[in-house]
Every structure is written in C-alpha cells, then in structure tokens.
Amino acid sequence: MADGIVTWFDPRRGFGFISRAGFVSREDGGADVFVHRTQLEPANQRPAPGDRVRFTIQPRPEGLYATSVHAL
C-alpha cells in the first residue's frame, strides 16, 4: 500500500491523479499515479484536491495506476 495526495480529480470524466511527492523519491517510479473512478472504495467516494488517500500501485505500460483507493 502507498499513501498520496489527490492533486486533481474530475468526477464528470471519472479520473484524476494522485501525487506521491514527499512519500517516495523519483527513483522509485515517480510521483504521479493515475486513478480511475472504478478503483475508488467505497464507489461513491468523490476525492478532491488535497485529500489524503491510501492505494495499491499497479505498473502499466502507460505509467502507474492506482487500485483499491481509500480515503484517509
């Protein structure tokens, strides 16, 4: 599990980004992680910029992807 801060999330489009800056170094895969609404738990959660979250990181060819995202 990783911790991060929501930097941007568009509920209408259903995706955004989580920053791991301050939690890991750039050598550890970078700071920005993509998040899709299907990975929010509970499903009705609407993250806002500045919200702290805990999630699992899945590497994908396009970059890092957040799964099992829970608000802290």
PDB file of N, CA and C in Angstrom:
ATOM      1  N   MET A   1       0.851  -1.183   0.000  1.00  0.00           N
ATOM      2  CA  MET A   1       0.000   0.000   0.000  1.00  0.00           C
ATOM      3  C   MET A   1       0.890   1.238   0.000  1.00  0.00           C
ATOM      4  N   ALA A   2       0.379   2.273  -0.640  1.00  0.00           N
ATOM      5  CA  ALA A   2       1.092   3.545  -0.718  1.00  0.00           C
ATOM      6  C   ALA A   2       0.163   4.657  -0.259  1.00  0.00           C
ATOM      7  N   ASP A   3       0.749   5.748   0.202  1.00  0.00           N
ATOM      8  CA  ASP A   3      -0.015   6.930   0.582  1.00  0.00           C
ATOM      9  C   ASP A   3       0.258   8.037  -0.417  1.00  0.00           C
ATOM     10  N   GLY A   4      -0.733   8.899  -0.615  1.00  0.00           N
ATOM     11  CA  GLY A   4      -0.561  10.020  -1.519  1.00  0.00           C
ATOM     12  C   GLY A   4      -1.608  11.081  -1.281  1.00  0.00           C
ATOM     13  N   ILE A   5      -1.544  12.125  -2.089  1.00  0.00           N
ATOM     14  CA  ILE A   5      -2.468  13.243  -2.007  1.00  0.00           C
ATOM     15  C   ILE A   5      -3.090  13.449  -3.385  1.00  0.00           C
ATOM     16  N   VAL A   6      -4.422  13.549  -3.425  1.00  0.00           N
ATOM     17  CA  VAL A   6      -5.115  13.797  -4.689  1.00  0.00           C
ATOM     18  C   VAL A   6      -4.706  15.181  -5.184  1.00  0.00           C
ATOM     19  N   THR A   7      -4.184  15.244  -6.415  1.00  0.00           N
ATOM     20  CA  THR A   7      -3.802  16.535  -6.985  1.00  0.00           C
ATOM     21  C   THR A   7      -4.885  17.066  -7.903  1.00  0.00           C
ATOM     22  N   TRP A   8      -5.645  16.142  -8.512  1.00  0.00           N
ATOM     23  CA  TRP A   8      -6.671  16.541  -9.464  1.00  0.00           C
ATOM     24  C   TRP A   8      -7.609  15.364  -9.662  1.00  0.00           C
ATOM     25  N   PHE A   9      -8.913  15.626  -9.684  1.00  0.00           N
ATOM     26  CA  PHE A   9      -9.888  14.580  -9.987  1.00  0.00           C
ATOM     27  C   PHE A   9     -11.114  15.230 -10.600  1.00  0.00           C
ATOM     28  N   ASP A  10     -11.531  14.739 -11.758  1.00  0.00           N
ATOM     29  CA  ASP A  10     -12.712  15.253 -12.453  1.00  0.00           C
ATOM     30  C   ASP A  10     -13.823  14.216 -12.319  1.00  0.00           C
ATOM     31  N   PRO A  11     -14.810  14.449 -11.437  1.00  0.00           N
ATOM     32  CA  PRO A  11     -15.864  13.450 -11.238  1.00  0.00           C
ATOM     33  C   PRO A  11     -16.719  13.226 -12.480  1.00  0.00           C
ATOM     34  N   ARG A  12     -16.850  14.226 -13.322  1.00  0.00           N
ATOM     35  CA  ARG A  12     -17.641  14.073 -14.547  1.00  0.00           C
ATOM     36  C   ARG A  12     -16.954  13.122 -15.515  1.00  0.00           C
ATOM     37  N   ARG A  13     -15.643  13.260 -15.647  1.00  0.00           N
ATOM     38  CA  ARG A  13     -14.874  12.389 -16.550  1.00  0.00           C
ATOM     39  C   ARG A  13     -14.437  11.095 -15.866  1.00  0.00           C
ATOM     40  N   GLY A  14     -14.408  11.095 -14.537  1.00  0.00           N
ATOM     41  CA  GLY A  14     -14.150   9.876 -13.789  1.00  0.00           C
ATOM     42  C   GLY A  14     -12.699   9.483 -13.621  1.00  0.00           C
ATOM     43  N   PHE A  15     -11.779  10.439 -13.685  1.00  0.00           N
ATOM     44  CA  PHE A  15     -10.389  10.099 -13.442  1.00  0.00           C
ATOM     45  C   PHE A  15      -9.624  11.299 -12.901  1.00  0.00           C
ATOM     46  N   GLY A  16      -8.415  11.021 -12.434  1.00  0.00           N
ATOM     47  CA  GLY A  16      -7.564  12.074 -11.894  1.00  0.00           C
ATOM     48  C   GLY A  16      -6.179  11.535 -11.593  1.00  0.00           C
ATOM     49  N   PHE A  17      -5.466  12.255 -10.732  1.00  0.00           N
ATOM     50  CA  PHE A  17      -4.098  11.879 -10.392  1.00  0.00           C
ATOM     51  C   PHE A  17      -3.844  12.028  -8.902  1.00  0.00           C
ATOM     52  N   ILE A  18      -2.982  11.157  -8.405  1.00  0.00           N
ATOM     53  CA  ILE A  18      -2.537  11.172  -7.016  1.00  0.00           C
ATOM     54  C   ILE A  18      -1.045  11.448  -7.036  1.00  0.00           C
ATOM     55  N   SER A  19      -0.600  12.342  -6.165  1.00  0.00           N
ATOM     56  CA  SER A  19       0.819  12.649  -6.057  1.00  0.00           C
ATOM     57  C   SER A  19       1.414  11.863  -4.904  1.00  0.00           C
ATOM     58  N   ARG A  20       2.557  11.244  -5.157  1.00  0.00           N
ATOM     59  CA  ARG A  20       3.293  10.573  -4.089  1.00  0.00           C
ATOM     60  C   ARG A  20       4.471  11.433  -3.656  1.00  0.00           C
ATOM     61  N   ALA A  21       4.572  12.665  -4.156  1.00  0.00           N
ATOM     62  CA  ALA A  21       5.669  13.562  -3.789  1.00  0.00           C
ATOM     63  C   ALA A  21       5.706  13.707  -2.270  1.00  0.00           C
ATOM     64  N   GLY A  22       6.873  13.607  -1.719  1.00  0.00           N
ATOM     65  CA  GLY A  22       7.007  13.662  -0.271  1.00  0.00           C
ATOM     66  C   GLY A  22       6.889  12.295   0.372  1.00  0.00           C
ATOM     67  N   PHE A  23       6.420  11.310  -0.394  1.00  0.00           N
ATOM     68  CA  PHE A  23       6.287   9.953   0.116  1.00  0.00           C
ATOM     69  C   PHE A  23       7.355   9.027  -0.454  1.00  0.00           C
ATOM     70  N   VAL A  24       7.804   9.295  -1.696  1.00  0.00           N
ATOM     71  CA  VAL A  24       8.835   8.484  -2.341  1.00  0.00           C
ATOM     72  C   VAL A  24       9.741   9.384  -3.172  1.00  0.00           C
ATOM     73  N   SER A  25      10.843   8.828  -3.606  1.00  0.00           N
ATOM     74  CA  SER A  25      11.746   9.579  -4.479  1.00  0.00           C
ATOM     75  C   SER A  25      11.396   9.317  -5.938  1.00  0.00           C
ATOM     76  N   ARG A  26      11.843  10.165  -6.818  1.00  0.00           N
ATOM     77  CA  ARG A  26      11.621   9.981  -8.260  1.00  0.00           C
ATOM     78  C   ARG A  26      12.239   8.667  -8.740  1.00  0.00           C
ATOM     79  N   GLU A  27      13.307   8.229  -8.095  1.00  0.00           N
ATOM     80  CA  GLU A  27      13.957   6.971  -8.486  1.00  0.00           C
ATOM     81  C   GLU A  27      13.047   5.775  -8.225  1.00  0.00           C
ATOM     82  N   ASP A  28      12.023   5.965  -7.407  1.00  0.00           N
ATOM     83  CA  ASP A  28      11.104   4.887  -7.057  1.00  0.00           C
ATOM     84  C   ASP A  28       9.908   4.851  -8.007  1.00  0.00           C
ATOM     85  N   GLY A  29      10.046   5.450  -9.183  1.00  0.00           N
ATOM     86  CA  GLY A  29       8.988   5.360 -10.169  1.00  0.00           C
ATOM     87  C   GLY A  29       8.203   6.636 -10.376  1.00  0.00           C
ATOM     88  N   GLY A  30       8.631   7.721  -9.785  1.00  0.00           N
ATOM     89  CA  GLY A  30       7.932   8.983  -9.997  1.00  0.00           C
ATOM     90  C   GLY A  30       6.872   9.249  -8.964  1.00  0.00           C
ATOM     91  N   ALA A  31       6.266  10.408  -9.056  1.00  0.00           N
ATOM     92  CA  ALA A  31       5.336  10.829  -8.022  1.00  0.00           C
ATOM     93  C   ALA A  31       3.870  10.728  -8.447  1.00  0.00           C
ATOM     94  N   ASP A  32       3.560  10.817  -9.733  1.00  0.00           N
ATOM     95  CA  ASP A  32       2.170  10.881 -10.171  1.00  0.00           C
ATOM     96  C   ASP A  32       1.610   9.514 -10.542  1.00  0.00           C
ATOM     97  N   VAL A  33       0.400   9.250 -10.027  1.00  0.00           N
ATOM     98  CA  VAL A  33      -0.262   7.970 -10.264  1.00  0.00           C
ATOM     99  C   VAL A  33      -1.668   8.260 -10.790  1.00  0.00           C
ATOM    100  N   PHE A  34      -2.047   7.635 -11.891  1.00  0.00           N
ATOM    101  CA  PHE A  34      -3.378   7.777 -12.482  1.00  0.00           C
ATOM    102  C   PHE A  34      -4.387   7.027 -11.625  1.00  0.00           C
ATOM    103  N   VAL A  35      -5.578   7.604 -11.456  1.00  0.00           N
ATOM    104  CA  VAL A  35      -6.653   6.927 -10.728  1.00  0.00           C
ATOM    105  C   VAL A  35      -7.951   7.054 -11.527  1.00  0.00           C
ATOM    106  N   HIS A  36      -8.662   5.922 -11.654  1.00  0.00           N
ATOM    107  CA  HIS A  36      -9.955   5.892 -12.344  1.00  0.00           C
ATOM    108  C   HIS A  36     -11.040   5.651 -11.302  1.00  0.00           C
ATOM    109  N   ARG A  37     -12.223   6.190 -11.543  1.00  0.00           N
ATOM    110  CA  ARG A  37     -13.326   6.090 -10.568  1.00  0.00           C
ATOM    111  C   ARG A  37     -13.684   4.653 -10.212  1.00  0.00           C
ATOM    112  N   THR A  38     -13.419   3.697 -11.083  1.00  0.00           N
ATOM    113  CA  THR A  38     -13.743   2.302 -10.789  1.00  0.00           C
ATOM    114  C   THR A  38     -12.881   1.733  -9.670  1.00  0.00           C
ATOM    115  N   GLN A  39     -11.803   2.428  -9.301  1.00  0.00           N
ATOM    116  CA  GLN A  39     -10.903   1.947  -8.258  1.00  0.00           C
ATOM    117  C   GLN A  39     -11.146   2.595  -6.900  1.00  0.00           C
ATOM    118  N   LEU A  40     -12.139   3.489  -6.816  1.00  0.00           N
ATOM    119  CA  LEU A  40     -12.448   4.164  -5.555  1.00  0.00           C
ATOM    120  C   LEU A  40     -13.264   3.246  -4.660  1.00  0.00           C
ATOM    121  N   GLU A  41     -12.893   3.179  -3.392  1.00  0.00           N
ATOM    122  CA  GLU A  41     -13.604   2.355  -2.408  1.00  0.00           C
ATOM    123  C   GLU A  41     -13.890   3.201  -1.183  1.00  0.00           C
ATOM    124  N   PRO A  42     -15.146   3.459  -0.837  1.00  0.00           N
ATOM    125  CA  PRO A  42     -16.359   2.992  -1.489  1.00  0.00           C
ATOM    126  C   PRO A  42     -16.568   3.671  -2.835  1.00  0.00           C
ATOM    127  N   ALA A  43     -17.383   3.072  -3.670  1.00  0.00           N
ATOM    128  CA  ALA A  43     -17.571   3.523  -5.049  1.00  0.00           C
ATOM    129  C   ALA A  43     -18.154   4.926  -5.155  1.00  0.00           C
ATOM    130  N   ASN A  44     -18.893   5.386  -4.156  1.00  0.00           N
ATOM    131  CA  ASN A  44     -19.499   6.718  -4.221  1.00  0.00           C
ATOM    132  C   ASN A  44     -18.554   7.822  -3.752  1.00  0.00           C
ATOM    133  N   GLN A  45     -17.351   7.483  -3.404  1.00  0.00           N
ATOM    134  CA  GLN A  45     -16.339   8.444  -2.961  1.00  0.00           C
ATOM    135  C   GLN A  45     -16.047   9.461  -4.071  1.00  0.00           C
ATOM    136  N   ARG A  46     -15.892  10.726  -3.736  1.00  0.00           N
ATOM    137  CA  ARG A  46     -15.548  11.778  -4.695  1.00  0.00           C
ATOM    138  C   ARG A  46     -14.330  12.525  -4.162  1.00  0.00           C
ATOM    139  N   PRO A  47     -13.131  12.070  -4.504  1.00  0.00           N
ATOM    140  CA  PRO A  47     -11.932  12.731  -3.981  1.00  0.00           C
ATOM    141  C   PRO A  47     -11.790  14.156  -4.505  1.00  0.00           C
ATOM    142  N   ALA A  48     -11.219  15.007  -3.673  1.00  0.00           N
ATOM    143  CA  ALA A  48     -10.982  16.407  -4.029  1.00  0.00           C
ATOM    144  C   ALA A  48      -9.492  16.707  -3.857  1.00  0.00           C
ATOM    145  N   PRO A  49      -8.980  17.687  -4.571  1.00  0.00           N
ATOM    146  CA  PRO A  49      -7.576  18.052  -4.413  1.00  0.00           C
ATOM    147  C   PRO A  49      -7.234  18.299  -2.942  1.00  0.00           C
ATOM    148  N   GLY A  50      -6.130  17.705  -2.519  1.00  0.00           N
ATOM    149  CA  GLY A  50      -5.682  17.833  -1.139  1.00  0.00           C
ATOM    150  C   GLY A  50      -6.073  16.673  -0.254  1.00  0.00           C
ATOM    151  N   ASP A  51      -7.017  15.829  -0.691  1.00  0.00           N
ATOM    152  CA  ASP A  51      -7.410  14.660   0.098  1.00  0.00           C
ATOM    153  C   ASP A  51      -6.271  13.654   0.158  1.00  0.00           C
ATOM    154  N   ARG A  52      -6.031  13.104   1.348  1.00  0.00           N
ATOM    155  CA  ARG A  52      -5.025  12.044   1.505  1.00  0.00           C
ATOM    156  C   ARG A  52      -5.700  10.705   1.257  1.00  0.00           C
ATOM    157  N   VAL A  53      -5.010   9.836   0.527  1.00  0.00           N
ATOM    158  CA  VAL A  53      -5.550   8.527   0.186  1.00  0.00           C
ATOM    159  C   VAL A  53      -4.486   7.448   0.360  1.00  0.00           C
ATOM    160  N   ARG A  54      -4.951   6.222   0.515  1.00  0.00           N
ATOM    161  CA  ARG A  54      -4.077   5.039   0.556  1.00  0.00           C
ATOM    162  C   ARG A  54      -4.521   4.138  -0.588  1.00  0.00           C
ATOM    163  N   PHE A  55      -3.560   3.556  -1.301  1.00  0.00           N
ATOM    164  CA  PHE A  55      -3.879   2.795  -2.502  1.00  0.00           C
ATOM    165  C   PHE A  55      -2.777   1.797  -2.818  1.00  0.00           C
ATOM    166  N   THR A  56      -3.080   0.910  -3.747  1.00  0.00           N
ATOM    167  CA  THR A  56      -2.114  -0.050  -4.271  1.00  0.00           C
ATOM    168  C   THR A  56      -1.680   0.441  -5.641  1.00  0.00           C
ATOM    169  N   ILE A  57      -0.406   0.259  -5.962  1.00  0.00           N
ATOM    170  CA  ILE A  57       0.126   0.721  -7.244  1.00  0.00           C
ATOM    171  C   ILE A  57       0.302  -0.456  -8.188  1.00  0.00           C
ATOM    172  N   GLN A  58      -0.225  -0.298  -9.394  1.00  0.00           N
ATOM    173  CA  GLN A  58      -0.071  -1.292 -10.453  1.00  0.00           C
ATOM    174  C   GLN A  58       0.689  -0.641 -11.610  1.00  0.00           C
ATOM    175  N   PRO A  59       1.858  -1.163 -11.966  1.00  0.00           N
ATOM    176  CA  PRO A  59       2.547  -0.613 -13.139  1.00  0.00           C
ATOM    177  C   PRO A  59       1.848  -1.063 -14.416  1.00  0.00           C
ATOM    178  N   ARG A  60       1.711  -0.157 -15.336  1.00  0.00           N
ATOM    179  CA  ARG A  60       1.124  -0.433 -16.649  1.00  0.00           C
ATOM    180  C   ARG A  60       2.039   0.173 -17.696  1.00  0.00           C
ATOM    181  N   PRO A  61       1.930  -0.238 -18.949  1.00  0.00           N
ATOM    182  CA  PRO A  61       2.780   0.350 -19.996  1.00  0.00           C
ATOM    183  C   PRO A  61       2.638   1.874 -20.090  1.00  0.00           C
ATOM    184  N   GLU A  62       1.443   2.397 -19.776  1.00  0.00           N
ATOM    185  CA  GLU A  62       1.201   3.837 -19.855  1.00  0.00           C
ATOM    186  C   GLU A  62       1.744   4.589 -18.648  1.00  0.00           C
ATOM    187  N   GLY A  63       2.051   3.891 -17.577  1.00  0.00           N
ATOM    188  CA  GLY A  63       2.516   4.518 -16.340  1.00  0.00           C
ATOM    189  C   GLY A  63       1.923   3.828 -15.132  1.00  0.00           C
ATOM    190  N   LEU A  64       1.995   4.476 -13.986  1.00  0.00           N
ATOM    191  CA  LEU A  64       1.494   3.891 -12.749  1.00  0.00           C
ATOM    192  C   LEU A  64      -0.010   4.101 -12.627  1.00  0.00           C
ATOM    193  N   TYR A  65      -0.710   3.088 -12.091  1.00  0.00           N
ATOM    194  CA  TYR A  65      -2.160   3.072 -11.978  1.00  0.00           C
ATOM    195  C   TYR A  65      -2.526   2.741 -10.534  1.00  0.00           C
ATOM    196  N   ALA A  66      -3.412   3.531  -9.922  1.00  0.00           N
ATOM    197  CA  ALA A  66      -3.838   3.300  -8.541  1.00  0.00           C
ATOM    198  C   ALA A  66      -5.041   2.361  -8.514  1.00  0.00           C
ATOM    199  N   THR A  67      -4.999   1.375  -7.619  1.00  0.00           N
ATOM    200  CA  THR A  67      -6.131   0.481  -7.411  1.00  0.00           C
ATOM    201  C   THR A  67      -6.471   0.494  -5.922  1.00  0.00           C
ATOM    202  N   SER A  68      -7.667   0.057  -5.582  1.00  0.00           N
ATOM    203  CA  SER A  68      -8.121  -0.029  -4.179  1.00  0.00           C
ATOM    204  C   SER A  68      -7.856   1.267  -3.431  1.00  0.00           C
ATOM    205  N   VAL A  69      -8.391   2.371  -3.925  1.00  0.00           N
ATOM    206  CA  VAL A  69      -8.143   3.701  -3.358  1.00  0.00           C
ATOM    207  C   VAL A  69      -9.113   3.981  -2.220  1.00  0.00           C
ATOM    208  N   HIS A  70      -8.573   4.255  -1.021  1.00  0.00           N
ATOM    209  CA  HIS A  70      -9.354   4.560   0.176  1.00  0.00           C
ATOM    210  C   HIS A  70      -8.942   5.915   0.732  1.00  0.00           C
ATOM    211  N   ALA A  71      -9.906   6.720   1.138  1.00  0.00           N
ATOM    212  CA  ALA A  71      -9.610   7.999   1.788  1.00  0.00           C
ATOM    213  C   ALA A  71      -9.029   7.741   3.172  1.00  0.00           C
ATOM    214  N   LEU A  72      -8.115   8.594   3.601  1.00  0.00           N
ATOM    215  CA  LEU A  72      -7.547   8.503   4.948  1.00  0.00           C
ATOM    216  C   LEU A  72      -8.214   9.499   5.866  1.00  0.00           C
TER     217      LEU A  72
END
